[in-house]
Amino acid sequence: SCPAPPASCTDGWAQNQPGPNPHILYGALVGGPAQDGTYNDDRNDYIHNEVACDYNAAFTGVLAAMVENNF
């Protein structure tokens, strides 16, 4: 992700910045914890921190079914 315009955005800008993430996607599922149950919110650890369509599509589909069926 990049900073809000008119700030410049170069390749890997957000990944290499210190401090909090510039953009937050609330409610999205990420890869999850390691095999031993530990979790570290690290931008460079994409395996455990990546927001991916395959996680979120199934989750959204189940939620839609629950809403449709009044669960």
PDB file of N, CA and C in Angstrom:
ATOM      1  N   SER A   1       0.839  -1.181   0.000  1.00  0.00           N
ATOM      2  CA  SER A   1       0.000   0.000   0.000  1.00  0.00           C
ATOM      3  C   SER A   1       0.873   1.228   0.000  1.00  0.00           C
ATOM      4  N   CYS A   2       0.326   2.321  -0.413  1.00  0.00           N
ATOM      5  CA  CYS A   2       1.073   3.578  -0.531  1.00  0.00           C
ATOM      6  C   CYS A   2       0.461   4.645   0.364  1.00  0.00           C
ATOM      7  N   PRO A   3       1.232   5.681   0.637  1.00  0.00           N
ATOM      8  CA  PRO A   3       0.679   6.790   1.418  1.00  0.00           C
ATOM      9  C   PRO A   3      -0.369   7.536   0.602  1.00  0.00           C
ATOM     10  N   ALA A   4      -1.162   8.330   1.288  1.00  0.00           N
ATOM     11  CA  ALA A   4      -2.178   9.126   0.600  1.00  0.00           C
ATOM     12  C   ALA A   4      -1.517  10.154  -0.310  1.00  0.00           C
ATOM     13  N   PRO A   5      -2.078  10.400  -1.502  1.00  0.00           N
ATOM     14  CA  PRO A   5      -1.538  11.420  -2.400  1.00  0.00           C
ATOM     15  C   PRO A   5      -1.575  12.780  -1.730  1.00  0.00           C
ATOM     16  N   PRO A   6      -0.702  13.650  -2.023  1.00  0.00           N
ATOM     17  CA  PRO A   6       0.287  13.662  -3.091  1.00  0.00           C
ATOM     18  C   PRO A   6       1.629  13.052  -2.723  1.00  0.00           C
ATOM     19  N   ALA A   7       1.740  12.360  -1.584  1.00  0.00           N
ATOM     20  CA  ALA A   7       3.007  11.739  -1.200  1.00  0.00           C
ATOM     21  C   ALA A   7       3.422  10.713  -2.238  1.00  0.00           C
ATOM     22  N   SER A   8       4.705  10.556  -2.398  1.00  0.00           N
ATOM     23  CA  SER A   8       5.256   9.651  -3.399  1.00  0.00           C
ATOM     24  C   SER A   8       5.174   8.203  -2.933  1.00  0.00           C
ATOM     25  N   CYS A   9       5.022   7.314  -3.868  1.00  0.00           N
ATOM     26  CA  CYS A   9       4.960   5.883  -3.565  1.00  0.00           C
ATOM     27  C   CYS A   9       5.978   5.156  -4.431  1.00  0.00           C
ATOM     28  N   THR A  10       6.923   4.515  -3.796  1.00  0.00           N
ATOM     29  CA  THR A  10       7.899   3.716  -4.530  1.00  0.00           C
ATOM     30  C   THR A  10       7.691   2.253  -4.169  1.00  0.00           C
ATOM     31  N   ASP A  11       8.281   1.374  -4.935  1.00  0.00           N
ATOM     32  CA  ASP A  11       8.118  -0.061  -4.730  1.00  0.00           C
ATOM     33  C   ASP A  11       8.504  -0.449  -3.303  1.00  0.00           C
ATOM     34  N   GLY A  12       7.612  -1.101  -2.583  1.00  0.00           N
ATOM     35  CA  GLY A  12       7.884  -1.546  -1.233  1.00  0.00           C
ATOM     36  C   GLY A  12       7.821  -0.456  -0.187  1.00  0.00           C
ATOM     37  N   TRP A  13       7.212   0.669  -0.510  1.00  0.00           N
ATOM     38  CA  TRP A  13       7.193   1.811   0.404  1.00  0.00           C
ATOM     39  C   TRP A  13       6.678   1.420   1.777  1.00  0.00           C
ATOM     40  N   ALA A  14       5.492   0.886   1.877  1.00  0.00           N
ATOM     41  CA  ALA A  14       4.874   0.592   3.171  1.00  0.00           C
ATOM     42  C   ALA A  14       5.593  -0.526   3.908  1.00  0.00           C
ATOM     43  N   GLN A  15       6.094  -1.481   3.186  1.00  0.00           N
ATOM     44  CA  GLN A  15       6.756  -2.614   3.822  1.00  0.00           C
ATOM     45  C   GLN A  15       7.999  -2.174   4.582  1.00  0.00           C
ATOM     46  N   ASN A  16       8.660  -1.149   4.125  1.00  0.00           N
ATOM     47  CA  ASN A  16       9.917  -0.727   4.721  1.00  0.00           C
ATOM     48  C   ASN A  16       9.788   0.442   5.683  1.00  0.00           C
ATOM     49  N   GLN A  17       8.593   0.916   5.942  1.00  0.00           N
ATOM     50  CA  GLN A  17       8.397   2.044   6.849  1.00  0.00           C
ATOM     51  C   GLN A  17       8.246   1.570   8.286  1.00  0.00           C
ATOM     52  N   PRO A  18       8.861   2.295   9.233  1.00  0.00           N
ATOM     53  CA  PRO A  18       8.648   1.952  10.634  1.00  0.00           C
ATOM     54  C   PRO A  18       7.283   2.458  11.092  1.00  0.00           C
ATOM     55  N   GLY A  19       6.854   1.994  12.248  1.00  0.00           N
ATOM     56  CA  GLY A  19       5.609   2.490  12.812  1.00  0.00           C
ATOM     57  C   GLY A  19       4.407   1.708  12.348  1.00  0.00           C
ATOM     58  N   PRO A  20       3.222   2.220  12.671  1.00  0.00           N
ATOM     59  CA  PRO A  20       1.995   1.495  12.338  1.00  0.00           C
ATOM     60  C   PRO A  20       1.753   1.424  10.828  1.00  0.00           C
ATOM     61  N   ASN A  21       0.934   0.464  10.440  1.00  0.00           N
ATOM     62  CA  ASN A  21       0.593   0.318   9.027  1.00  0.00           C
ATOM     63  C   ASN A  21      -0.166   1.550   8.547  1.00  0.00           C
ATOM     64  N   PRO A  22       0.130   2.042   7.343  1.00  0.00           N
ATOM     65  CA  PRO A  22      -0.546   3.237   6.844  1.00  0.00           C
ATOM     66  C   PRO A  22      -2.010   2.993   6.489  1.00  0.00           C
ATOM     67  N   HIS A  23      -2.368   1.757   6.181  1.00  0.00           N
ATOM     68  CA  HIS A  23      -3.748   1.411   5.831  1.00  0.00           C
ATOM     69  C   HIS A  23      -4.117   0.137   6.579  1.00  0.00           C
ATOM     70  N   ILE A  24      -5.326   0.073   7.094  1.00  0.00           N
ATOM     71  CA  ILE A  24      -5.767  -1.091   7.846  1.00  0.00           C
ATOM     72  C   ILE A  24      -7.015  -1.657   7.192  1.00  0.00           C
ATOM     73  N   LEU A  25      -7.023  -2.949   6.972  1.00  0.00           N
ATOM     74  CA  LEU A  25      -8.173  -3.639   6.405  1.00  0.00           C
ATOM     75  C   LEU A  25      -8.847  -4.423   7.530  1.00  0.00           C
ATOM     76  N   TYR A  26      -9.863  -3.847   8.133  1.00  0.00           N
ATOM     77  CA  TYR A  26     -10.549  -4.467   9.257  1.00  0.00           C
ATOM     78  C   TYR A  26     -11.379  -5.659   8.801  1.00  0.00           C
ATOM     79  N   GLY A  27     -11.306  -6.736   9.556  1.00  0.00           N
ATOM     80  CA  GLY A  27     -12.136  -7.900   9.301  1.00  0.00           C
ATOM     81  C   GLY A  27     -11.559  -8.912   8.338  1.00  0.00           C
ATOM     82  N   ALA A  28     -10.438  -8.609   7.702  1.00  0.00           N
ATOM     83  CA  ALA A  28      -9.858  -9.546   6.750  1.00  0.00           C
ATOM     84  C   ALA A  28      -9.124 -10.659   7.491  1.00  0.00           C
ATOM     85  N   LEU A  29      -9.142 -11.854   6.935  1.00  0.00           N
ATOM     86  CA  LEU A  29      -8.416 -12.978   7.505  1.00  0.00           C
ATOM     87  C   LEU A  29      -7.020 -13.029   6.917  1.00  0.00           C
ATOM     88  N   VAL A  30      -6.058 -13.382   7.741  1.00  0.00           N
ATOM     89  CA  VAL A  30      -4.678 -13.544   7.282  1.00  0.00           C
ATOM     90  C   VAL A  30      -4.286 -15.008   7.414  1.00  0.00           C
ATOM     91  N   GLY A  31      -3.077 -15.337   6.988  1.00  0.00           N
ATOM     92  CA  GLY A  31      -2.601 -16.719   7.007  1.00  0.00           C
ATOM     93  C   GLY A  31      -2.706 -17.403   8.352  1.00  0.00           C
ATOM     94  N   GLY A  32      -2.427 -16.687   9.422  1.00  0.00           N
ATOM     95  CA  GLY A  32      -2.589 -17.248  10.758  1.00  0.00           C
ATOM     96  C   GLY A  32      -1.301 -17.611  11.442  1.00  0.00           C
ATOM     97  N   PRO A  33      -1.412 -18.274  12.579  1.00  0.00           N
ATOM     98  CA  PRO A  33      -0.241 -18.578  13.385  1.00  0.00           C
ATOM     99  C   PRO A  33       0.625 -19.673  12.773  1.00  0.00           C
ATOM    100  N   ALA A  34       1.839 -19.790  13.307  1.00  0.00           N
ATOM    101  CA  ALA A  34       2.768 -20.845  12.899  1.00  0.00           C
ATOM    102  C   ALA A  34       2.299 -22.181  13.480  1.00  0.00           C
ATOM    103  N   GLN A  35       2.961 -23.258  13.124  1.00  0.00           N
ATOM    104  CA  GLN A  35       2.592 -24.590  13.606  1.00  0.00           C
ATOM    105  C   GLN A  35       2.581 -24.668  15.130  1.00  0.00           C
ATOM    106  N   ASP A  36       3.474 -23.926  15.791  1.00  0.00           N
ATOM    107  CA  ASP A  36       3.551 -23.984  17.254  1.00  0.00           C
ATOM    108  C   ASP A  36       2.574 -23.017  17.930  1.00  0.00           C
ATOM    109  N   GLY A  37       1.728 -22.338  17.155  1.00  0.00           N
ATOM    110  CA  GLY A  37       0.716 -21.451  17.708  1.00  0.00           C
ATOM    111  C   GLY A  37       1.162 -20.016  17.907  1.00  0.00           C
ATOM    112  N   THR A  38       2.409 -19.706  17.619  1.00  0.00           N
ATOM    113  CA  THR A  38       2.893 -18.333  17.775  1.00  0.00           C
ATOM    114  C   THR A  38       2.492 -17.492  16.568  1.00  0.00           C
ATOM    115  N   TYR A  39       2.340 -16.218  16.803  1.00  0.00           N
ATOM    116  CA  TYR A  39       1.985 -15.296  15.724  1.00  0.00           C
ATOM    117  C   TYR A  39       2.741 -13.990  15.928  1.00  0.00           C
ATOM    118  N   ASN A  40       3.367 -13.491  14.877  1.00  0.00           N
ATOM    119  CA  ASN A  40       4.100 -12.245  14.916  1.00  0.00           C
ATOM    120  C   ASN A  40       3.614 -11.375  13.765  1.00  0.00           C
ATOM    121  N   ASP A  41       3.072 -10.222  14.080  1.00  0.00           N
ATOM    122  CA  ASP A  41       2.565  -9.304  13.056  1.00  0.00           C
ATOM    123  C   ASP A  41       3.750  -8.592  12.406  1.00  0.00           C
ATOM    124  N   ASP A  42       4.311  -9.227  11.385  1.00  0.00           N
ATOM    125  CA  ASP A  42       5.514  -8.729  10.704  1.00  0.00           C
ATOM    126  C   ASP A  42       5.203  -8.587   9.218  1.00  0.00           C
ATOM    127  N   ARG A  43       5.373  -7.398   8.688  1.00  0.00           N
ATOM    128  CA  ARG A  43       5.078  -7.153   7.265  1.00  0.00           C
ATOM    129  C   ARG A  43       5.881  -8.031   6.329  1.00  0.00           C
ATOM    130  N   ASN A  44       7.075  -8.427   6.749  1.00  0.00           N
ATOM    131  CA  ASN A  44       7.927  -9.242   5.874  1.00  0.00           C
ATOM    132  C   ASN A  44       7.582 -10.729   5.921  1.00  0.00           C
ATOM    133  N   ASP A  45       6.723 -11.160   6.841  1.00  0.00           N
ATOM    134  CA  ASP A  45       6.323 -12.557   6.953  1.00  0.00           C
ATOM    135  C   ASP A  45       4.982 -12.747   6.237  1.00  0.00           C
ATOM    136  N   TYR A  46       5.039 -12.789   4.913  1.00  0.00           N
ATOM    137  CA  TYR A  46       3.801 -12.838   4.135  1.00  0.00           C
ATOM    138  C   TYR A  46       3.049 -14.152   4.339  1.00  0.00           C
ATOM    139  N   ILE A  47       3.716 -15.215   4.691  1.00  0.00           N
ATOM    140  CA  ILE A  47       3.049 -16.503   4.854  1.00  0.00           C
ATOM    141  C   ILE A  47       2.011 -16.437   5.968  1.00  0.00           C
ATOM    142  N   HIS A  48       2.325 -15.754   7.049  1.00  0.00           N
ATOM    143  CA  HIS A  48       1.412 -15.685   8.181  1.00  0.00           C
ATOM    144  C   HIS A  48       0.575 -14.407   8.202  1.00  0.00           C
ATOM    145  N   ASN A  49       0.942 -13.406   7.418  1.00  0.00           N
ATOM    146  CA  ASN A  49       0.271 -12.113   7.506  1.00  0.00           C
ATOM    147  C   ASN A  49      -0.416 -11.654   6.226  1.00  0.00           C
ATOM    148  N   GLU A  50      -0.334 -12.433   5.182  1.00  0.00           N
ATOM    149  CA  GLU A  50      -0.929 -12.032   3.911  1.00  0.00           C
ATOM    150  C   GLU A  50      -2.457 -12.149   3.952  1.00  0.00           C
ATOM    151  N   VAL A  51      -3.122 -11.121   3.468  1.00  0.00           N
ATOM    152  CA  VAL A  51      -4.571 -11.177   3.272  1.00  0.00           C
ATOM    153  C   VAL A  51      -4.780 -11.741   1.877  1.00  0.00           C
ATOM    154  N   ALA A  52      -5.442 -12.874   1.782  1.00  0.00           N
ATOM    155  CA  ALA A  52      -5.571 -13.535   0.491  1.00  0.00           C
ATOM    156  C   ALA A  52      -7.034 -13.836   0.164  1.00  0.00           C
ATOM    157  N   CYS A  53      -7.332 -13.876  -1.120  1.00  0.00           N
ATOM    158  CA  CYS A  53      -8.698 -14.145  -1.581  1.00  0.00           C
ATOM    159  C   CYS A  53      -9.181 -15.517  -1.153  1.00  0.00           C
ATOM    160  N   ASP A  54      -8.296 -16.521  -1.152  1.00  0.00           N
ATOM    161  CA  ASP A  54      -8.755 -17.862  -0.818  1.00  0.00           C
ATOM    162  C   ASP A  54      -9.213 -17.973   0.628  1.00  0.00           C
ATOM    163  N   TYR A  55      -8.642 -17.207   1.531  1.00  0.00           N
ATOM    164  CA  TYR A  55      -9.122 -17.205   2.921  1.00  0.00           C
ATOM    165  C   TYR A  55     -10.433 -16.435   3.016  1.00  0.00           C
ATOM    166  N   ASN A  56     -10.448 -15.259   2.458  1.00  0.00           N
ATOM    167  CA  ASN A  56     -11.565 -14.350   2.657  1.00  0.00           C
ATOM    168  C   ASN A  56     -12.794 -14.690   1.823  1.00  0.00           C
ATOM    169  N   ALA A  57     -12.629 -15.311   0.674  1.00  0.00           N
ATOM    170  CA  ALA A  57     -13.776 -15.664  -0.157  1.00  0.00           C
ATOM    171  C   ALA A  57     -14.633 -16.720   0.539  1.00  0.00           C
ATOM    172  N   ALA A  58     -14.000 -17.733   1.097  1.00  0.00           N
ATOM    173  CA  ALA A  58     -14.755 -18.781   1.790  1.00  0.00           C
ATOM    174  C   ALA A  58     -15.438 -18.222   3.033  1.00  0.00           C
ATOM    175  N   PHE A  59     -14.731 -17.397   3.788  1.00  0.00           N
ATOM    176  CA  PHE A  59     -15.287 -16.792   4.991  1.00  0.00           C
ATOM    177  C   PHE A  59     -16.498 -15.928   4.649  1.00  0.00           C
ATOM    178  N   THR A  60     -16.375 -15.113   3.608  1.00  0.00           N
ATOM    179  CA  THR A  60     -17.480 -14.256   3.178  1.00  0.00           C
ATOM    180  C   THR A  60     -18.650 -15.091   2.681  1.00  0.00           C
ATOM    181  N   GLY A  61     -18.373 -16.177   1.977  1.00  0.00           N
ATOM    182  CA  GLY A  61     -19.434 -17.053   1.499  1.00  0.00           C
ATOM    183  C   GLY A  61     -20.219 -17.689   2.636  1.00  0.00           C
ATOM    184  N   VAL A  62     -19.516 -18.133   3.672  1.00  0.00           N
ATOM    185  CA  VAL A  62     -20.190 -18.721   4.828  1.00  0.00           C
ATOM    186  C   VAL A  62     -21.033 -17.672   5.535  1.00  0.00           C
ATOM    187  N   LEU A  63     -20.489 -16.468   5.702  1.00  0.00           N
ATOM    188  CA  LEU A  63     -21.264 -15.403   6.343  1.00  0.00           C
ATOM    189  C   LEU A  63     -22.510 -15.059   5.538  1.00  0.00           C
ATOM    190  N   ALA A  64     -22.388 -15.031   4.216  1.00  0.00           N
ATOM    191  CA  ALA A  64     -23.545 -14.736   3.367  1.00  0.00           C
ATOM    192  C   ALA A  64     -24.618 -15.816   3.511  1.00  0.00           C
ATOM    193  N   ALA A  65     -24.177 -17.078   3.579  1.00  0.00           N
ATOM    194  CA  ALA A  65     -25.140 -18.167   3.758  1.00  0.00           C
ATOM    195  C   ALA A  65     -25.828 -18.072   5.107  1.00  0.00           C
ATOM    196  N   MET A  66     -25.067 -17.704   6.144  1.00  0.00           N
ATOM    197  CA  MET A  66     -25.656 -17.581   7.470  1.00  0.00           C
ATOM    198  C   MET A  66     -26.697 -16.443   7.506  1.00  0.00           C
ATOM    199  N   VAL A  67     -26.400 -15.342   6.852  1.00  0.00           N
ATOM    200  CA  VAL A  67     -27.344 -14.239   6.802  1.00  0.00           C
ATOM    201  C   VAL A  67     -28.582 -14.642   6.012  1.00  0.00           C
ATOM    202  N   GLU A  68     -28.388 -15.294   4.892  1.00  0.00           N
ATOM    203  CA  GLU A  68     -29.502 -15.719   4.048  1.00  0.00           C
ATOM    204  C   GLU A  68     -30.422 -16.698   4.782  1.00  0.00           C
ATOM    205  N   ASN A  69     -29.816 -17.573   5.595  1.00  0.00           N
ATOM    206  CA  ASN A  69     -30.591 -18.592   6.296  1.00  0.00           C
ATOM    207  C   ASN A  69     -30.936 -18.206   7.739  1.00  0.00           C
ATOM    208  N   ASN A  70     -30.721 -16.948   8.081  1.00  0.00           N
ATOM    209  CA  ASN A  70     -31.050 -16.421   9.409  1.00  0.00           C
ATOM    210  C   ASN A  70     -30.425 -17.183  10.564  1.00  0.00           C
ATOM    211  N   PHE A  71     -29.161 -17.551  10.432  1.00  0.00           N
ATOM    212  CA  PHE A  71     -28.454 -18.224  11.537  1.00  0.00           C
ATOM    213  C   PHE A  71     -27.922 -17.207  12.505  1.00  0.00           C
TER     214      PHE A  71
END
